[in-house]
């Protein structure tokens, strides 16, 4: 297509909006979401449950539920300076795009594998579904990936899922996700339900994989420490909108949106003693009838009339650090006063 992207951009999402049709009305799951992903970059989507993170990721591979409708936007994907709009792909093209170009590792490794098939068969079936029928070549690639994720490749390749621990299943799932050398890997809560030592191991494995295989990552997480460890850039998602986007250090040390700041201050840290953890007051809005203006204003300590009437744009007042807030300056002043 005639769209041109910078050569280092592998994915550009522009003005993406998704609604879910329900008996009670349309749930506005995402609204005007825009971001770019560069080659070799890791982007974290953070936010509360129900904020729209998973909807965004499912839209990227067009795997939304049947009652979902993409009402606006473009999803531009680039490889070798050829750009295509994922939303305009035919069924055949979409099948090639999934797993070959963009793979998604879904939440819950415990339930990700067919319990009656061994791991070898599940690697072979995945490869065969995408036109790779040479079982010897599949085996060689699979064993190499299983070794990369720090497993005993021969043992795991012929094992059944019930013979693997939760951590081993998660690592095997990561290996399966990159079997066909995708340029983008989407990870949905990759460390959920794993203990702290296992989480550390998964983080190390992901770092090794990205460094050696050179793919880009989009990962969804409630775990802010994981985002801090893995991400180059972080997008805060609230009520279906990206309300802050910036480099990982900007987000974690110089956040410009009260919601991001609230998320960060609600997490205990080792370097600051706290008798009582802070929390964000109130609850996320009903996305069938979201509030006028800024969707966060009912929960925000800085809200005033303009917040209740007009939704702020995601602007870059501070370099490449974007935030959708009318009162960035007041947040910065309050942080300085507490320092």
Protein backbone atom coordinates (compact mmCIF):
# COMPACT_ATOMS: atom_id res chain seq x y z
CA UNK A 1 0.00 0.00 0.00
CA UNK A 2 1.06 3.65 -0.40
CA UNK A 3 1.47 4.28 3.34
CA UNK A 4 5.03 5.08 4.34
CA UNK A 5 6.46 4.38 7.78
CA UNK A 6 9.90 5.12 9.21
CA UNK A 7 12.11 2.08 8.50
CA UNK A 8 12.47 1.19 12.19
CA UNK A 9 8.70 1.16 12.85
CA UNK A 10 7.20 -2.34 12.62
CA UNK A 11 3.70 -1.46 13.83
CA UNK A 12 1.69 1.75 13.82
CA UNK A 13 -1.75 1.81 15.43
CA UNK A 14 -3.76 4.89 14.56
CA UNK A 15 -7.11 5.96 16.06
CA UNK A 16 -8.21 2.40 16.92
CA UNK A 17 -11.67 2.15 18.47
CA UNK A 18 -13.49 -1.07 19.41
CA UNK A 19 -16.99 -1.57 20.80
CA UNK A 20 -18.68 -4.69 22.14
CA UNK A 21 -22.35 -5.06 21.16
CA UNK A 22 -24.38 -6.15 24.20
CA UNK A 23 -28.05 -6.25 25.18
CA UNK A 24 -27.43 -3.34 27.54
CA UNK A 25 -25.74 -1.20 24.90
CA UNK A 26 -22.39 -0.74 23.21
CA UNK A 27 -19.38 -1.13 25.49
CA UNK A 28 -16.76 1.35 24.26
CA UNK A 29 -13.81 -0.91 24.99
CA UNK A 30 -11.13 1.20 23.30
CA UNK A 31 -11.29 4.74 22.00
CA UNK A 32 -8.88 6.40 19.56
CA UNK A 33 -5.86 4.33 20.57
CA UNK A 34 -2.64 5.30 18.79
CA UNK A 35 0.96 4.17 19.26
CA UNK A 36 4.03 2.95 17.39
CA UNK A 37 6.25 -0.06 17.98
CA UNK A 38 9.83 -0.05 16.75
CA UNK A 39 12.10 -2.90 15.78
CA UNK A 40 13.51 -4.67 18.84
CA UNK A 41 11.45 -2.55 21.23
CA UNK A 42 9.37 -3.73 24.18
CA UNK A 43 6.15 -1.82 24.88
CA UNK A 44 4.20 -2.47 28.08
CA UNK A 45 0.46 -1.83 28.37
CA UNK A 46 -0.39 -1.26 32.03
CA UNK A 47 -3.67 -0.53 33.80
CA UNK A 48 -6.45 -2.00 35.89
CA UNK A 49 -8.48 -5.05 34.87
CA UNK A 50 -11.06 -4.09 32.25
CA UNK A 51 -9.13 -1.06 31.04
CA UNK A 52 -8.90 -2.34 27.45
CA UNK A 53 -5.37 -3.75 27.33
CA UNK A 54 -6.35 -7.20 26.09
CA UNK A 55 -8.89 -5.76 23.65
CA UNK A 56 -6.10 -3.71 22.06
CA UNK A 57 -3.87 -6.77 21.71
CA UNK A 58 -6.64 -8.96 20.29
CA UNK A 59 -7.49 -6.26 17.76
CA UNK A 60 -3.89 -6.30 16.53
CA UNK A 61 -4.30 -9.90 15.32
CA UNK A 62 -8.05 -9.61 14.63
CA UNK A 63 -8.97 -12.19 17.23
CA UNK A 64 -11.73 -10.21 18.92
CA UNK A 65 -14.93 -11.92 20.14
CA UNK A 66 -17.81 -12.09 17.68
CA UNK A 67 -19.72 -9.27 19.36
CA UNK A 68 -16.78 -6.88 18.93
CA UNK A 69 -16.70 -4.30 16.15
CA UNK A 70 -13.74 -2.17 15.14
CA UNK A 71 -15.41 1.17 14.47
CA UNK A 72 -12.36 3.17 13.39
CA UNK A 73 -8.64 3.05 12.94
CA UNK A 74 -5.71 1.54 11.11
CA UNK A 75 -3.21 -1.13 12.14
CA UNK A 76 -0.21 -0.73 9.87
CA UNK A 77 2.41 -3.48 9.87
CA UNK A 78 5.80 -3.19 8.16
CA UNK A 79 8.39 -5.79 7.20
CA UNK A 80 11.19 -5.14 4.70
CA UNK A 81 9.70 -1.70 4.00
CA UNK A 82 6.42 -3.24 2.81
CA UNK A 83 3.41 -1.88 4.69
CA UNK A 84 0.01 -3.53 5.02
CA UNK A 85 -3.12 -2.63 6.96
CA UNK A 86 -3.99 -5.63 9.15
CA UNK A 87 -7.65 -4.59 9.14
CA UNK A 88 -7.78 -5.02 5.35
CA UNK A 89 -6.12 -8.44 5.10
CA UNK A 90 -8.04 -11.30 3.49
CA UNK A 91 -8.59 -14.48 5.51
CA UNK A 92 -5.64 -16.13 3.75
CA UNK A 93 -3.38 -13.14 4.37
CA UNK A 94 -4.53 -12.95 7.98
CA UNK A 95 -3.66 -16.62 8.52
CA UNK A 96 -0.16 -15.92 7.23
CA UNK A 97 0.14 -12.79 9.38
CA UNK A 98 -0.72 -14.61 12.59
CA UNK A 99 2.23 -16.52 14.02
CA UNK A 100 4.47 -15.86 10.99
CA UNK A 101 4.52 -12.09 11.50
CA UNK A 102 2.78 -11.51 14.83
CA UNK A 103 2.34 -14.18 17.51
CA UNK A 104 0.36 -13.92 20.72
CA UNK A 105 1.15 -15.87 23.87
CA UNK A 106 -2.11 -15.93 25.79
CA UNK A 107 -2.53 -15.75 29.54
CA UNK A 108 -2.58 -19.04 31.42
CA UNK A 109 0.13 -21.46 30.33
CA UNK A 110 -1.47 -24.17 32.49
CA UNK A 111 -4.37 -24.42 30.02
CA UNK A 112 -2.58 -23.49 26.81
CA UNK A 113 -1.59 -26.99 25.69
CA UNK A 114 -3.77 -29.88 24.56
CA UNK A 115 -3.42 -32.36 27.46
CA UNK A 116 -3.63 -35.47 25.25
CA UNK A 117 -0.88 -34.46 22.80
CA UNK A 118 2.80 -34.35 23.59
CA UNK A 119 4.78 -31.16 23.09
CA UNK A 120 6.39 -32.48 19.91
CA UNK A 121 3.00 -32.96 18.25
CA UNK A 122 1.89 -29.46 19.24
CA UNK A 123 5.01 -27.89 17.73
CA UNK A 124 4.56 -29.97 14.56
CA UNK A 125 0.86 -29.08 14.25
CA UNK A 126 1.61 -25.38 14.61
CA UNK A 127 4.32 -25.54 11.96
CA UNK A 128 2.18 -27.64 9.60
CA UNK A 129 -0.76 -25.22 9.89
CA UNK A 130 1.54 -22.58 8.42
CA UNK A 131 2.97 -24.69 5.62
CA UNK A 132 6.07 -26.10 7.31
CA UNK A 133 5.92 -29.87 6.81
CA UNK A 134 9.58 -30.89 7.30
CA UNK A 135 9.38 -32.55 10.73
CA UNK A 136 13.14 -32.85 11.04
CA UNK A 137 13.54 -29.11 10.50
CA UNK A 138 10.72 -28.38 12.94
CA UNK A 139 12.39 -30.59 15.53
CA UNK A 140 15.75 -28.86 15.06
CA UNK A 141 14.16 -25.42 15.45
CA UNK A 142 12.06 -26.50 18.45
CA UNK A 143 15.00 -28.06 20.30
CA UNK A 144 17.04 -24.91 19.73
CA UNK A 145 14.25 -22.74 21.15
CA UNK A 146 13.64 -25.02 24.13
CA UNK A 147 17.32 -24.80 24.94
CA UNK A 148 17.16 -21.01 24.61
CA UNK A 149 14.41 -20.88 27.25
CA UNK A 150 16.64 -22.95 29.56
CA UNK A 151 14.87 -26.29 29.40
CA UNK A 152 16.15 -29.80 28.71
CA UNK A 153 15.07 -29.82 25.04
CA UNK A 154 15.04 -33.58 24.41
CA UNK A 155 13.05 -34.31 27.54
CA UNK A 156 10.50 -31.52 27.10
CA UNK A 157 9.97 -32.09 23.37
CA UNK A 158 8.66 -35.61 23.98
CA UNK A 159 6.86 -34.82 27.25
CA UNK A 160 3.14 -34.39 27.82
CA UNK A 161 1.85 -31.15 29.37
CA UNK A 162 1.03 -32.79 32.72
CA UNK A 163 4.69 -33.76 33.06
CA UNK A 164 5.78 -30.11 33.08
CA UNK A 165 5.64 -27.60 35.92
CA UNK A 166 3.91 -24.25 35.52
CA UNK A 167 7.22 -22.50 34.85
CA UNK A 168 8.23 -25.14 32.30
CA UNK A 169 4.89 -24.77 30.50
CA UNK A 170 5.30 -21.00 30.38
CA UNK A 171 8.79 -21.31 28.91
CA UNK A 172 7.60 -23.92 26.41
CA UNK A 173 4.76 -21.62 25.39
CA UNK A 174 7.24 -18.81 24.80
CA UNK A 175 9.33 -21.13 22.61
CA UNK A 176 6.23 -22.15 20.65
CA UNK A 177 5.30 -18.50 20.19
CA UNK A 178 8.53 -17.72 18.33
CA UNK A 179 8.67 -20.99 16.38
CA UNK A 180 7.98 -19.28 13.05
CA UNK A 181 10.23 -16.26 13.74
CA UNK A 182 7.55 -13.58 14.10
CA UNK A 183 8.63 -9.95 14.08
CA UNK A 184 6.20 -9.09 16.91
CA UNK A 185 5.30 -11.16 19.98
CA UNK A 186 2.33 -10.16 22.15
CA UNK A 187 2.48 -11.44 25.73
CA UNK A 188 -0.68 -11.38 27.84
CA UNK A 189 0.29 -11.45 31.54
CA UNK A 190 3.33 -13.71 31.02
CA UNK A 191 4.05 -14.09 34.76
CA UNK A 192 0.51 -14.50 36.13
CA UNK A 193 0.10 -17.19 38.84
CA UNK A 194 3.86 -17.76 39.06
CA UNK A 195 5.86 -17.37 42.26
CA UNK A 196 8.44 -14.59 42.57
CA UNK A 197 11.46 -16.77 41.75
CA UNK A 198 9.72 -18.22 38.71
CA UNK A 199 8.78 -14.71 37.58
CA UNK A 200 12.43 -13.73 37.80
CA UNK A 201 13.37 -16.72 35.64
CA UNK A 202 10.75 -15.83 33.01
CA UNK A 203 12.01 -12.23 32.87
CA UNK A 204 15.57 -13.46 32.31
CA UNK A 205 14.39 -15.85 29.60
CA UNK A 206 12.45 -13.10 27.81
CA UNK A 207 15.47 -10.82 27.88
CA UNK A 208 17.64 -13.58 26.40
CA UNK A 209 15.08 -14.41 23.71
CA UNK A 210 14.62 -10.83 22.59
CA UNK A 211 18.35 -10.19 22.49
CA UNK A 212 19.11 -13.31 20.43
CA UNK A 213 16.05 -13.45 18.18
CA UNK A 214 15.58 -9.68 17.72
CA UNK A 215 11.78 -9.38 17.84
CA UNK A 216 9.55 -6.63 19.19
CA UNK A 217 7.34 -7.20 22.23
CA UNK A 218 3.98 -5.87 23.33
CA UNK A 219 3.14 -7.14 26.76
CA UNK A 220 0.14 -6.67 28.98
CA UNK A 221 0.68 -6.67 32.70
CA UNK A 222 -0.71 -5.66 36.06
CA UNK A 223 2.80 -6.20 37.40
CA UNK A 224 4.51 -2.82 37.34
CA UNK A 225 7.84 -4.35 38.34
CA UNK A 226 7.71 -6.51 35.21
CA UNK A 227 7.05 -3.44 33.08
CA UNK A 228 9.98 -1.64 34.71
CA UNK A 229 12.25 -4.63 34.05
CA UNK A 230 11.33 -5.46 30.46
CA UNK A 231 9.88 -2.37 28.79
CA UNK A 232 11.54 0.32 26.73
CA UNK A 233 8.28 2.26 26.58
CA UNK A 234 5.13 2.11 28.68
CA UNK A 235 1.53 2.99 27.78
CA UNK A 236 -0.97 3.51 30.58
CA UNK A 237 -4.47 2.40 29.57
CA UNK A 238 -7.55 3.70 31.37
CA UNK A 239 -11.19 3.22 30.32
CA UNK A 240 -10.17 2.19 26.82
CA UNK A 241 -7.81 5.09 26.19
CA UNK A 242 -4.05 5.46 26.29
CA UNK A 243 -3.71 8.31 28.77
CA UNK A 244 0.08 8.34 29.10
CA UNK A 245 2.88 7.08 26.88
CA UNK A 246 6.62 7.46 27.30
CA UNK A 247 9.97 5.90 28.03
CA UNK A 248 10.08 3.56 31.00
CA UNK A 249 12.09 5.99 33.14
CA UNK A 250 9.76 8.88 32.30
CA UNK A 251 6.70 6.87 33.30
CA UNK A 252 8.12 5.44 36.51
CA UNK A 253 10.03 8.48 37.78
CA UNK A 254 8.33 11.46 36.13
CA UNK A 255 4.73 10.38 35.47
CA UNK A 256 2.50 13.17 34.15
CA UNK A 257 -0.96 11.66 34.59
CA UNK A 258 -2.65 11.34 38.01
CA UNK A 259 -3.84 7.81 37.18
CA UNK A 260 -0.33 6.56 36.36
CA UNK A 261 0.94 8.28 39.48
CA UNK A 262 -1.80 6.57 41.50
CA UNK A 263 -0.87 3.15 40.13
CA UNK A 264 2.77 3.65 41.04
CA UNK A 265 2.13 4.94 44.56
CA UNK A 266 -0.19 2.02 45.30
CA UNK A 267 2.69 -0.45 44.97
CA UNK A 268 4.96 -1.06 48.00
CA UNK A 269 8.66 -0.37 47.50
CA UNK A 270 11.79 -1.35 49.39
CA UNK A 271 13.34 2.11 49.41
CA UNK A 272 10.46 4.00 51.05
CA UNK A 273 8.89 2.98 54.34
CA UNK A 274 5.09 3.19 54.22
CA UNK A 275 2.72 2.57 57.09
CA UNK A 276 -0.28 2.64 54.78
CA UNK A 277 -0.40 2.04 51.04
CA UNK A 278 -2.18 4.67 48.99
CA UNK A 279 -4.96 3.63 46.64
CA UNK A 280 -6.88 5.26 43.82
CA UNK A 281 -10.34 6.21 45.12
CA UNK A 282 -13.49 5.13 43.32
CA UNK A 283 -13.95 2.59 40.53
CA UNK A 284 -13.38 2.55 36.76
CA UNK A 285 -16.31 4.02 34.79
CA UNK A 286 -19.12 2.16 33.07
CA UNK A 287 -17.99 2.05 29.44
CA UNK A 288 -21.55 1.80 28.16
CA UNK A 289 -22.18 5.30 29.52
CA UNK A 290 -18.72 6.77 30.20
CA UNK A 291 -18.49 10.18 31.86
CA UNK A 292 -18.16 13.34 29.79
CA UNK A 293 -14.76 14.96 29.53
CA UNK A 294 -11.77 13.18 31.00
CA UNK A 295 -12.88 9.68 31.97
CA UNK A 296 -10.66 9.78 35.06
CA UNK A 297 -12.11 12.99 36.48
CA UNK A 298 -14.54 11.32 38.98
CA UNK A 299 -11.50 9.76 40.70
CA UNK A 300 -9.00 12.59 40.29
CA UNK A 301 -7.89 14.98 43.04
CA UNK A 302 -7.05 17.67 40.46
CA UNK A 303 -10.35 17.59 38.54
CA UNK A 304 -12.12 20.88 37.78
CA UNK A 305 -14.68 22.17 35.28
CA UNK A 306 -12.58 21.73 32.15
CA UNK A 307 -11.89 18.10 33.11
CA UNK A 308 -15.64 17.45 33.38
CA UNK A 309 -16.39 19.03 30.00
CA UNK A 310 -13.48 18.29 27.64
CA UNK A 311 -11.41 15.17 27.14
CA UNK A 312 -7.73 16.17 26.91
CA UNK A 313 -5.64 15.03 23.96
CA UNK A 314 -2.54 12.89 24.33
CA UNK A 315 0.05 15.66 23.93
CA UNK A 316 3.83 15.87 24.06
CA UNK A 317 4.45 18.94 26.20
CA UNK A 318 7.59 17.23 27.54
CA UNK A 319 9.51 15.86 24.55
CA UNK A 320 8.39 12.35 23.58
CA UNK A 321 6.57 11.86 26.88
CA UNK A 322 2.83 12.09 26.17
CA UNK A 323 0.00 12.53 28.66
CA UNK A 324 -3.73 13.24 28.32
CA UNK A 325 -4.23 15.57 31.27
CA UNK A 326 -5.21 19.20 31.70
CA UNK A 327 -3.18 19.55 34.89
CA UNK A 328 0.24 18.00 34.34
CA UNK A 329 1.82 21.04 36.00
CA UNK A 330 -0.23 20.62 39.17
CA UNK A 331 0.80 16.97 39.48
CA UNK A 332 4.46 17.94 39.08
CA UNK A 333 4.09 20.70 41.69
CA UNK A 334 2.44 18.35 44.19
CA UNK A 335 5.20 15.79 43.69
CA UNK A 336 7.88 18.43 44.29
CA UNK A 337 6.10 19.58 47.45
CA UNK A 338 6.15 16.03 48.85
CA UNK A 339 9.80 15.42 47.91
